[in-house]
Amino acid sequence: MAERHIPYYSLKKLFSFFNGVTVCFLVMVIILIVQITAATVVLAFFPVVQEVALEHNFMTLRKNYRGYKEPDDYSMQWNLVMEKLKCCGVKNYTDFSGSSFERVTGHTYPRCCCKSPGTMDCDGHNVSADVIHQEGCFPKLLKITKTQSANLSGGSLGTAVMQLPGILATLLLFIKLG
């Protein structure tokens, strides 16, 4: 009971609480770093995984993509990706050849593949590099994923390193105060 009357008892308990919270946060950050790094390694260094992902996206696009300004979620999401990343298809614009999109519309590529969708040249048949984006979206998405995961891993590691001195200081105070 005598320990409760020590003036630093409350401070010791408060530091212990914050140390526990900080350690939990640090563990979560480390787990996040490991998961992101593992995903990046799998995507970057295992061509088989890249090829399977590429083939899956390619087949799904050919089967499910309906066209520009279609109301279904799949088409809307692909349109957004192709417009924002300035790309066309999974591998390139030829992904739409023989697809359900081409069978329904008769076009070789959708409007969102065009560099300027409102122009006359963007007719769904002119595949000139001046008219449409030639590069596919998968390589661009892979590059963004690698870059962002490296940034996130670095930021998380930096946060963990900044937390370490606080944890050690709290631990030392805890030991000193008994």
N, C-alpha and C. Protein backbone atom coordinates (compact mmCIF):
# COMPACT_ATOMS: atom_id res chain seq x y z
N MET A 1 0.81 -1.19 0.00
CA MET A 1 0.00 0.00 0.00
C MET A 1 0.85 1.25 0.00
N ALA A 2 2.04 1.18 0.52
CA ALA A 2 2.88 2.37 0.63
C ALA A 2 3.24 2.92 -0.74
N GLU A 3 3.29 2.04 -1.75
CA GLU A 3 3.67 2.49 -3.09
C GLU A 3 2.66 3.48 -3.66
N ARG A 4 1.41 3.39 -3.30
CA ARG A 4 0.38 4.27 -3.83
C ARG A 4 0.58 5.72 -3.37
N HIS A 5 1.33 5.95 -2.30
CA HIS A 5 1.54 7.30 -1.80
C HIS A 5 2.76 7.97 -2.41
N ILE A 6 3.52 7.25 -3.19
CA ILE A 6 4.68 7.84 -3.85
C ILE A 6 4.16 8.81 -4.90
N PRO A 7 4.71 10.06 -4.95
CA PRO A 7 4.19 11.07 -5.87
C PRO A 7 4.26 10.66 -7.36
N TYR A 8 5.20 9.80 -7.69
CA TYR A 8 5.37 9.44 -9.09
C TYR A 8 4.58 8.20 -9.50
N TYR A 9 3.79 7.65 -8.57
CA TYR A 9 3.03 6.43 -8.87
C TYR A 9 2.07 6.66 -10.04
N SER A 10 1.34 7.77 -10.04
CA SER A 10 0.40 8.08 -11.12
C SER A 10 1.12 8.28 -12.44
N LEU A 11 2.25 8.98 -12.37
CA LEU A 11 3.04 9.21 -13.57
C LEU A 11 3.55 7.88 -14.13
N LYS A 12 3.95 6.99 -13.25
CA LYS A 12 4.43 5.68 -13.67
C LYS A 12 3.32 4.90 -14.38
N LYS A 13 2.12 4.92 -13.83
CA LYS A 13 1.00 4.22 -14.44
C LYS A 13 0.61 4.85 -15.78
N LEU A 14 0.63 6.18 -15.85
CA LEU A 14 0.30 6.88 -17.09
C LEU A 14 1.31 6.54 -18.18
N PHE A 15 2.59 6.56 -17.83
CA PHE A 15 3.62 6.21 -18.81
C PHE A 15 3.49 4.75 -19.23
N SER A 16 3.14 3.89 -18.30
CA SER A 16 2.96 2.48 -18.63
C SER A 16 1.82 2.31 -19.64
N PHE A 17 0.74 3.03 -19.42
CA PHE A 17 -0.40 2.96 -20.34
C PHE A 17 0.01 3.44 -21.74
N PHE A 18 0.63 4.61 -21.80
CA PHE A 18 1.03 5.15 -23.10
C PHE A 18 2.09 4.28 -23.77
N ASN A 19 2.96 3.69 -23.00
CA ASN A 19 3.96 2.79 -23.55
C ASN A 19 3.27 1.57 -24.18
N GLY A 20 2.27 1.05 -23.48
CA GLY A 20 1.53 -0.09 -24.03
C GLY A 20 0.82 0.26 -25.33
N VAL A 21 0.19 1.43 -25.38
CA VAL A 21 -0.48 1.87 -26.59
C VAL A 21 0.53 2.06 -27.72
N THR A 22 1.67 2.67 -27.41
CA THR A 22 2.69 2.91 -28.42
C THR A 22 3.27 1.59 -28.94
N VAL A 23 3.49 0.65 -28.07
CA VAL A 23 4.01 -0.66 -28.49
C VAL A 23 3.01 -1.35 -29.40
N CYS A 24 1.71 -1.26 -29.06
CA CYS A 24 0.68 -1.85 -29.93
C CYS A 24 0.70 -1.20 -31.30
N PHE A 25 0.81 0.13 -31.32
CA PHE A 25 0.87 0.85 -32.59
C PHE A 25 2.11 0.44 -33.37
N LEU A 26 3.23 0.33 -32.69
CA LEU A 26 4.48 -0.05 -33.34
C LEU A 26 4.37 -1.45 -33.95
N VAL A 27 3.76 -2.36 -33.23
CA VAL A 27 3.58 -3.73 -33.74
C VAL A 27 2.69 -3.71 -34.98
N MET A 28 1.62 -2.91 -34.95
CA MET A 28 0.74 -2.82 -36.12
C MET A 28 1.48 -2.24 -37.32
N VAL A 29 2.31 -1.24 -37.09
CA VAL A 29 3.09 -0.64 -38.17
C VAL A 29 4.05 -1.67 -38.76
N ILE A 30 4.71 -2.43 -37.90
CA ILE A 30 5.66 -3.44 -38.38
C ILE A 30 4.92 -4.51 -39.18
N ILE A 31 3.74 -4.93 -38.73
CA ILE A 31 2.95 -5.91 -39.48
C ILE A 31 2.56 -5.34 -40.84
N LEU A 32 2.17 -4.08 -40.87
CA LEU A 32 1.80 -3.42 -42.13
C LEU A 32 3.00 -3.38 -43.08
N ILE A 33 4.17 -3.04 -42.56
CA ILE A 33 5.38 -3.00 -43.39
C ILE A 33 5.66 -4.38 -43.98
N VAL A 34 5.55 -5.41 -43.17
CA VAL A 34 5.81 -6.77 -43.64
C VAL A 34 4.82 -7.17 -44.73
N GLN A 35 3.54 -6.85 -44.53
CA GLN A 35 2.53 -7.21 -45.52
C GLN A 35 2.75 -6.48 -46.84
N ILE A 36 3.01 -5.19 -46.77
CA ILE A 36 3.23 -4.41 -47.98
C ILE A 36 4.48 -4.88 -48.71
N THR A 37 5.52 -5.12 -47.96
CA THR A 37 6.77 -5.58 -48.56
C THR A 37 6.56 -6.95 -49.21
N ALA A 38 5.85 -7.83 -48.54
CA ALA A 38 5.60 -9.16 -49.11
C ALA A 38 4.79 -9.07 -50.40
N ALA A 39 3.77 -8.22 -50.40
CA ALA A 39 2.96 -8.05 -51.62
C ALA A 39 3.80 -7.49 -52.75
N THR A 40 4.64 -6.52 -52.45
CA THR A 40 5.50 -5.92 -53.46
C THR A 40 6.50 -6.94 -54.00
N VAL A 41 7.08 -7.73 -53.12
CA VAL A 41 8.03 -8.75 -53.54
C VAL A 41 7.35 -9.77 -54.44
N VAL A 42 6.16 -10.20 -54.05
CA VAL A 42 5.44 -11.18 -54.85
C VAL A 42 5.14 -10.61 -56.24
N LEU A 43 4.65 -9.36 -56.28
CA LEU A 43 4.32 -8.76 -57.57
C LEU A 43 5.57 -8.46 -58.41
N ALA A 44 6.61 -8.00 -57.75
CA ALA A 44 7.78 -7.55 -58.49
C ALA A 44 8.70 -8.68 -58.93
N PHE A 45 8.84 -9.68 -58.10
CA PHE A 45 9.88 -10.66 -58.37
C PHE A 45 9.38 -12.04 -58.81
N PHE A 46 8.08 -12.20 -58.86
CA PHE A 46 7.56 -13.48 -59.31
C PHE A 46 6.75 -13.26 -60.58
N PRO A 47 7.39 -13.38 -61.72
CA PRO A 47 6.70 -13.14 -63.00
C PRO A 47 5.46 -14.01 -63.18
N VAL A 48 5.45 -15.19 -62.55
CA VAL A 48 4.29 -16.07 -62.67
C VAL A 48 3.05 -15.39 -62.08
N VAL A 49 3.21 -14.75 -60.92
CA VAL A 49 2.09 -14.05 -60.29
C VAL A 49 1.64 -12.89 -61.16
N GLN A 50 2.61 -12.16 -61.71
CA GLN A 50 2.28 -11.05 -62.60
C GLN A 50 1.51 -11.56 -63.81
N GLU A 51 1.97 -12.67 -64.36
CA GLU A 51 1.34 -13.21 -65.57
C GLU A 51 -0.08 -13.69 -65.28
N VAL A 52 -0.28 -14.34 -64.14
CA VAL A 52 -1.62 -14.81 -63.77
C VAL A 52 -2.55 -13.62 -63.56
N ALA A 53 -2.08 -12.60 -62.85
CA ALA A 53 -2.90 -11.40 -62.63
C ALA A 53 -3.22 -10.72 -63.97
N LEU A 54 -2.22 -10.63 -64.83
CA LEU A 54 -2.41 -10.01 -66.13
C LEU A 54 -3.44 -10.78 -66.95
N GLU A 55 -3.30 -12.09 -66.99
CA GLU A 55 -4.22 -12.92 -67.77
C GLU A 55 -5.64 -12.87 -67.21
N HIS A 56 -5.76 -12.88 -65.90
CA HIS A 56 -7.09 -12.78 -65.28
C HIS A 56 -7.77 -11.46 -65.65
N ASN A 57 -7.04 -10.37 -65.51
CA ASN A 57 -7.60 -9.06 -65.85
C ASN A 57 -7.94 -8.97 -67.33
N PHE A 58 -7.09 -9.52 -68.15
CA PHE A 58 -7.30 -9.50 -69.59
C PHE A 58 -8.59 -10.24 -69.96
N MET A 59 -8.75 -11.45 -69.44
CA MET A 59 -9.93 -12.25 -69.77
C MET A 59 -11.21 -11.61 -69.20
N THR A 60 -11.11 -11.07 -68.01
CA THR A 60 -12.28 -10.42 -67.40
C THR A 60 -12.68 -9.18 -68.20
N LEU A 61 -11.71 -8.41 -68.64
CA LEU A 61 -11.99 -7.21 -69.44
C LEU A 61 -12.68 -7.60 -70.75
N ARG A 62 -12.15 -8.59 -71.43
CA ARG A 62 -12.72 -9.02 -72.71
C ARG A 62 -14.16 -9.52 -72.54
N LYS A 63 -14.43 -10.13 -71.41
CA LYS A 63 -15.75 -10.72 -71.18
C LYS A 63 -16.76 -9.69 -70.64
N ASN A 64 -16.35 -8.82 -69.72
CA ASN A 64 -17.30 -7.99 -68.98
C ASN A 64 -17.37 -6.52 -69.37
N TYR A 65 -16.38 -6.01 -70.08
CA TYR A 65 -16.39 -4.58 -70.40
C TYR A 65 -17.45 -4.29 -71.45
N ARG A 66 -18.31 -3.30 -71.18
CA ARG A 66 -19.40 -2.98 -72.11
C ARG A 66 -19.16 -1.72 -72.91
N GLY A 67 -18.42 -0.78 -72.36
CA GLY A 67 -18.14 0.42 -73.14
C GLY A 67 -18.11 1.69 -72.32
N TYR A 68 -17.88 2.77 -73.04
CA TYR A 68 -17.77 4.09 -72.45
C TYR A 68 -19.15 4.59 -72.02
N LYS A 69 -19.23 5.11 -70.82
CA LYS A 69 -20.48 5.65 -70.25
C LYS A 69 -21.57 4.60 -70.07
N GLU A 70 -21.18 3.35 -69.90
CA GLU A 70 -22.16 2.31 -69.60
C GLU A 70 -22.43 2.32 -68.09
N PRO A 71 -23.63 1.95 -67.66
CA PRO A 71 -24.00 2.09 -66.26
C PRO A 71 -23.44 1.00 -65.33
N ASP A 72 -22.88 -0.06 -65.85
CA ASP A 72 -22.40 -1.11 -64.96
C ASP A 72 -21.10 -0.69 -64.29
N ASP A 73 -20.91 -1.16 -63.05
CA ASP A 73 -19.74 -0.77 -62.25
C ASP A 73 -18.42 -1.17 -62.89
N TYR A 74 -18.37 -2.35 -63.46
CA TYR A 74 -17.12 -2.84 -64.04
C TYR A 74 -16.64 -1.90 -65.15
N SER A 75 -17.53 -1.56 -66.08
CA SER A 75 -17.16 -0.67 -67.19
C SER A 75 -16.80 0.72 -66.69
N MET A 76 -17.58 1.22 -65.72
CA MET A 76 -17.30 2.56 -65.18
C MET A 76 -15.93 2.62 -64.52
N GLN A 77 -15.57 1.57 -63.78
CA GLN A 77 -14.27 1.54 -63.12
C GLN A 77 -13.13 1.47 -64.14
N TRP A 78 -13.29 0.63 -65.16
CA TRP A 78 -12.26 0.54 -66.18
C TRP A 78 -12.12 1.86 -66.94
N ASN A 79 -13.25 2.50 -67.23
CA ASN A 79 -13.20 3.79 -67.91
C ASN A 79 -12.42 4.80 -67.07
N LEU A 80 -12.69 4.82 -65.79
CA LEU A 80 -11.99 5.74 -64.89
C LEU A 80 -10.49 5.46 -64.87
N VAL A 81 -10.13 4.19 -64.76
CA VAL A 81 -8.71 3.81 -64.75
C VAL A 81 -8.03 4.24 -66.05
N MET A 82 -8.67 3.94 -67.18
CA MET A 82 -8.05 4.26 -68.48
C MET A 82 -7.95 5.77 -68.69
N GLU A 83 -8.93 6.52 -68.22
CA GLU A 83 -8.87 7.98 -68.38
C GLU A 83 -7.80 8.59 -67.48
N LYS A 84 -7.78 8.18 -66.22
CA LYS A 84 -6.84 8.77 -65.25
C LYS A 84 -5.39 8.39 -65.54
N LEU A 85 -5.16 7.14 -65.91
CA LEU A 85 -3.79 6.68 -66.15
C LEU A 85 -3.33 6.88 -67.59
N LYS A 86 -4.25 7.34 -68.44
CA LYS A 86 -3.93 7.56 -69.85
C LYS A 86 -3.36 6.29 -70.48
N CYS A 87 -4.18 5.24 -70.41
CA CYS A 87 -3.80 3.94 -70.94
C CYS A 87 -5.02 3.32 -71.62
N CYS A 88 -4.83 2.16 -72.23
CA CYS A 88 -5.93 1.52 -72.95
C CYS A 88 -5.84 0.01 -72.78
N GLY A 89 -6.85 -0.59 -72.17
CA GLY A 89 -6.87 -2.03 -71.98
C GLY A 89 -5.94 -2.50 -70.88
N VAL A 90 -5.78 -3.80 -70.79
CA VAL A 90 -4.88 -4.37 -69.79
C VAL A 90 -3.45 -4.35 -70.32
N LYS A 91 -3.25 -4.96 -71.50
CA LYS A 91 -1.93 -4.99 -72.13
C LYS A 91 -1.76 -3.80 -73.07
N ASN A 92 -2.77 -3.57 -73.92
CA ASN A 92 -2.81 -2.44 -74.84
C ASN A 92 -4.18 -2.38 -75.50
N TYR A 93 -4.33 -1.53 -76.48
CA TYR A 93 -5.65 -1.34 -77.11
C TYR A 93 -6.17 -2.58 -77.84
N THR A 94 -5.29 -3.51 -78.18
CA THR A 94 -5.74 -4.71 -78.90
C THR A 94 -6.52 -5.67 -78.00
N ASP A 95 -6.55 -5.40 -76.69
CA ASP A 95 -7.29 -6.26 -75.77
C ASP A 95 -8.78 -6.31 -76.10
N PHE A 96 -9.28 -5.29 -76.78
CA PHE A 96 -10.71 -5.24 -77.08
C PHE A 96 -11.06 -6.00 -78.36
N SER A 97 -10.04 -6.43 -79.09
CA SER A 97 -10.27 -7.18 -80.31
C SER A 97 -10.88 -8.54 -79.98
N GLY A 98 -12.05 -8.81 -80.54
CA GLY A 98 -12.74 -10.07 -80.27
C GLY A 98 -13.49 -10.09 -78.96
N SER A 99 -13.55 -8.96 -78.27
CA SER A 99 -14.23 -8.90 -76.97
C SER A 99 -15.73 -8.69 -77.16
N SER A 100 -16.46 -8.82 -76.06
CA SER A 100 -17.90 -8.57 -76.12
C SER A 100 -18.16 -7.11 -76.49
N PHE A 101 -17.27 -6.21 -76.07
CA PHE A 101 -17.39 -4.79 -76.42
C PHE A 101 -17.36 -4.60 -77.93
N GLU A 102 -16.38 -5.25 -78.59
CA GLU A 102 -16.26 -5.11 -80.04
C GLU A 102 -17.46 -5.74 -80.77
N ARG A 103 -17.92 -6.88 -80.27
CA ARG A 103 -19.07 -7.53 -80.91
C ARG A 103 -20.33 -6.67 -80.82
N VAL A 104 -20.52 -5.99 -79.70
CA VAL A 104 -21.72 -5.17 -79.51
C VAL A 104 -21.63 -3.84 -80.25
N THR A 105 -20.47 -3.16 -80.14
CA THR A 105 -20.35 -1.81 -80.70
C THR A 105 -19.74 -1.76 -82.08
N GLY A 106 -18.94 -2.75 -82.42
CA GLY A 106 -18.22 -2.73 -83.69
C GLY A 106 -16.97 -1.87 -83.65
N HIS A 107 -16.65 -1.34 -82.47
CA HIS A 107 -15.46 -0.49 -82.31
C HIS A 107 -14.27 -1.31 -81.84
N THR A 108 -13.09 -0.87 -82.24
CA THR A 108 -11.85 -1.55 -81.87
C THR A 108 -11.42 -1.22 -80.45
N TYR A 109 -11.80 -0.04 -79.97
CA TYR A 109 -11.44 0.43 -78.63
C TYR A 109 -12.50 1.41 -78.15
N PRO A 110 -12.63 1.60 -76.81
CA PRO A 110 -13.61 2.57 -76.29
C PRO A 110 -13.07 4.00 -76.33
N ARG A 111 -13.96 4.96 -76.18
CA ARG A 111 -13.59 6.38 -76.22
C ARG A 111 -12.56 6.77 -75.16
N CYS A 112 -12.60 6.12 -74.01
CA CYS A 112 -11.67 6.52 -72.93
C CYS A 112 -10.22 6.18 -73.27
N CYS A 113 -9.98 5.45 -74.34
CA CYS A 113 -8.62 5.17 -74.79
C CYS A 113 -8.05 6.36 -75.59
N CYS A 114 -8.93 7.24 -76.02
CA CYS A 114 -8.51 8.38 -76.85
C CYS A 114 -7.81 9.44 -76.02
N LYS A 115 -6.84 10.09 -76.64
CA LYS A 115 -6.17 11.20 -75.99
C LYS A 115 -7.10 12.40 -75.88
N SER A 116 -7.99 12.57 -76.86
CA SER A 116 -9.03 13.61 -76.84
C SER A 116 -10.35 12.94 -77.26
N PRO A 117 -11.13 12.45 -76.28
CA PRO A 117 -12.33 11.67 -76.59
C PRO A 117 -13.38 12.39 -77.44
N GLY A 118 -13.40 13.71 -77.44
CA GLY A 118 -14.42 14.43 -78.17
C GLY A 118 -14.11 14.72 -79.62
N THR A 119 -12.93 14.34 -80.10
CA THR A 119 -12.53 14.68 -81.47
C THR A 119 -13.09 13.68 -82.48
N MET A 120 -13.07 14.11 -83.74
CA MET A 120 -13.55 13.26 -84.83
C MET A 120 -12.65 12.05 -85.05
N ASP A 121 -11.36 12.21 -84.77
CA ASP A 121 -10.41 11.10 -84.96
C ASP A 121 -10.71 9.94 -84.02
N CYS A 122 -11.33 10.23 -82.88
CA CYS A 122 -11.66 9.20 -81.89
C CYS A 122 -12.95 8.50 -82.34
N ASP A 123 -12.80 7.65 -83.34
CA ASP A 123 -13.98 7.02 -83.95
C ASP A 123 -14.12 5.53 -83.59
N GLY A 124 -13.22 5.03 -82.74
CA GLY A 124 -13.28 3.63 -82.37
C GLY A 124 -12.55 2.71 -83.33
N HIS A 125 -11.95 3.30 -84.39
CA HIS A 125 -11.24 2.48 -85.39
C HIS A 125 -9.82 2.99 -85.66
N ASN A 126 -9.60 4.28 -85.54
CA ASN A 126 -8.29 4.88 -85.79
C ASN A 126 -7.37 4.55 -84.61
N VAL A 127 -6.37 3.71 -84.84
CA VAL A 127 -5.48 3.27 -83.77
C VAL A 127 -4.12 3.97 -83.79
N SER A 128 -4.08 5.12 -84.41
CA SER A 128 -2.85 5.90 -84.49
C SER A 128 -2.40 6.32 -83.09
N ALA A 129 -1.10 6.37 -82.89
CA ALA A 129 -0.54 6.80 -81.60
C ALA A 129 -0.88 8.25 -81.30
N ASP A 130 -1.24 9.02 -82.34
CA ASP A 130 -1.65 10.41 -82.12
C ASP A 130 -3.08 10.48 -81.57
N VAL A 131 -3.86 9.42 -81.76
CA VAL A 131 -5.27 9.43 -81.39
C VAL A 131 -5.50 8.72 -80.06
N ILE A 132 -4.93 7.53 -79.88
CA ILE A 132 -5.20 6.75 -78.66
C ILE A 132 -3.92 6.49 -77.88
N HIS A 133 -4.13 6.15 -76.61
CA HIS A 133 -3.02 5.74 -75.75
C HIS A 133 -2.67 4.31 -76.12
N GLN A 134 -1.44 4.08 -76.45
CA GLN A 134 -1.01 2.76 -76.91
C GLN A 134 -0.70 1.80 -75.76
N GLU A 135 -0.25 2.34 -74.64
CA GLU A 135 0.19 1.50 -73.53
C GLU A 135 -1.00 0.97 -72.73
N GLY A 136 -0.86 -0.26 -72.24
CA GLY A 136 -1.89 -0.86 -71.41
C GLY A 136 -1.83 -0.36 -69.97
N CYS A 137 -2.88 -0.63 -69.21
CA CYS A 137 -2.98 -0.13 -67.83
C CYS A 137 -2.23 -1.00 -66.82
N PHE A 138 -2.08 -2.29 -67.10
CA PHE A 138 -1.45 -3.18 -66.11
C PHE A 138 -0.01 -2.77 -65.79
N PRO A 139 0.83 -2.48 -66.79
CA PRO A 139 2.20 -2.05 -66.45
C PRO A 139 2.20 -0.74 -65.65
N LYS A 140 1.29 0.16 -65.96
CA LYS A 140 1.23 1.42 -65.22
C LYS A 140 0.77 1.19 -63.78
N LEU A 141 -0.24 0.34 -63.60
CA LEU A 141 -0.71 0.03 -62.25
C LEU A 141 0.37 -0.68 -61.43
N LEU A 142 1.11 -1.56 -62.06
CA LEU A 142 2.20 -2.26 -61.38
C LEU A 142 3.27 -1.28 -60.93
N LYS A 143 3.61 -0.33 -61.78
CA LYS A 143 4.61 0.68 -61.44
C LYS A 143 4.13 1.55 -60.27
N ILE A 144 2.87 1.96 -60.31
CA ILE A 144 2.30 2.77 -59.22
C ILE A 144 2.30 1.98 -57.91
N THR A 145 1.93 0.70 -57.98
CA THR A 145 1.89 -0.14 -56.78
C THR A 145 3.28 -0.26 -56.16
N LYS A 146 4.28 -0.48 -56.99
CA LYS A 146 5.65 -0.59 -56.47
C LYS A 146 6.10 0.71 -55.83
N THR A 147 5.84 1.83 -56.49
CA THR A 147 6.25 3.13 -55.97
C THR A 147 5.55 3.45 -54.66
N GLN A 148 4.24 3.28 -54.66
CA GLN A 148 3.46 3.64 -53.47
C GLN A 148 3.76 2.71 -52.29
N SER A 149 3.97 1.43 -52.56
CA SER A 149 4.28 0.52 -51.46
C SER A 149 5.65 0.83 -50.87
N ALA A 150 6.58 1.24 -51.70
CA ALA A 150 7.89 1.65 -51.18
C ALA A 150 7.75 2.91 -50.34
N ASN A 151 6.96 3.87 -50.81
CA ASN A 151 6.73 5.10 -50.03
C ASN A 151 6.05 4.80 -48.70
N LEU A 152 5.02 3.96 -48.73
CA LEU A 152 4.29 3.62 -47.52
C LEU A 152 5.16 2.83 -46.55
N SER A 153 5.95 1.91 -47.08
CA SER A 153 6.86 1.14 -46.22
C SER A 153 7.89 2.06 -45.57
N GLY A 154 8.45 2.97 -46.34
CA GLY A 154 9.43 3.92 -45.80
C GLY A 154 8.82 4.83 -44.75
N GLY A 155 7.62 5.34 -45.01
CA GLY A 155 6.95 6.20 -44.04
C GLY A 155 6.61 5.45 -42.76
N SER A 156 6.15 4.21 -42.90
CA SER A 156 5.81 3.41 -41.73
C SER A 156 7.06 3.07 -40.92
N LEU A 157 8.13 2.76 -41.60
CA LEU A 157 9.39 2.46 -40.91
C LEU A 157 9.91 3.70 -40.19
N GLY A 158 9.79 4.86 -40.84
CA GLY A 158 10.20 6.12 -40.20
C GLY A 158 9.39 6.40 -38.95
N THR A 159 8.09 6.13 -39.00
CA THR A 159 7.22 6.31 -37.83
C THR A 159 7.64 5.38 -36.70
N ALA A 160 7.93 4.14 -37.06
CA ALA A 160 8.36 3.18 -36.04
C ALA A 160 9.67 3.61 -35.39
N VAL A 161 10.59 4.11 -36.18
CA VAL A 161 11.88 4.56 -35.64
C VAL A 161 11.69 5.76 -34.72
N MET A 162 10.77 6.67 -35.08
CA MET A 162 10.51 7.85 -34.23
C MET A 162 9.85 7.45 -32.91
N GLN A 163 9.10 6.38 -32.90
CA GLN A 163 8.43 5.92 -31.68
C GLN A 163 9.39 5.23 -30.71
N LEU A 164 10.44 4.66 -31.22
CA LEU A 164 11.36 3.87 -30.41
C LEU A 164 11.98 4.65 -29.24
N PRO A 165 12.50 5.87 -29.41
CA PRO A 165 13.06 6.59 -28.26
C PRO A 165 12.03 6.83 -27.15
N GLY A 166 10.79 7.11 -27.51
CA GLY A 166 9.75 7.31 -26.51
C GLY A 166 9.48 6.04 -25.71
N ILE A 167 9.47 4.94 -26.41
CA ILE A 167 9.26 3.66 -25.74
C ILE A 167 10.41 3.37 -24.78
N LEU A 168 11.63 3.59 -25.24
CA LEU A 168 12.80 3.34 -24.38
C LEU A 168 12.83 4.28 -23.17
N ALA A 169 12.49 5.56 -23.37
CA ALA A 169 12.46 6.51 -22.26
C ALA A 169 11.42 6.11 -21.24
N THR A 170 10.26 5.70 -21.69
CA THR A 170 9.20 5.26 -20.78
C THR A 170 9.62 4.02 -20.02
N LEU A 171 10.27 3.11 -20.72
CA LEU A 171 10.74 1.88 -20.07
C LEU A 171 11.78 2.19 -19.00
N LEU A 172 12.70 3.10 -19.31
CA LEU A 172 13.71 3.49 -18.32
C LEU A 172 13.07 4.16 -17.11
N LEU A 173 12.10 5.05 -17.32
CA LEU A 173 11.40 5.69 -16.20
C LEU A 173 10.67 4.65 -15.37
N PHE A 174 10.07 3.70 -16.01
CA PHE A 174 9.34 2.65 -15.32
C PHE A 174 10.29 1.86 -14.43
N ILE A 175 11.47 1.55 -14.96
CA ILE A 175 12.45 0.77 -14.17
C ILE A 175 12.98 1.62 -13.02
N LYS A 176 13.30 2.89 -13.30
CA LYS A 176 13.86 3.78 -12.27
C LYS A 176 12.87 4.03 -11.13
N LEU A 177 11.59 4.18 -11.46
CA LEU A 177 10.60 4.49 -10.45
C LEU A 177 10.15 3.25 -9.67
N GLY A 178 10.63 2.12 -10.10
CA GLY A 178 10.37 0.88 -9.36
C GLY A 178 9.05 0.35 -9.68
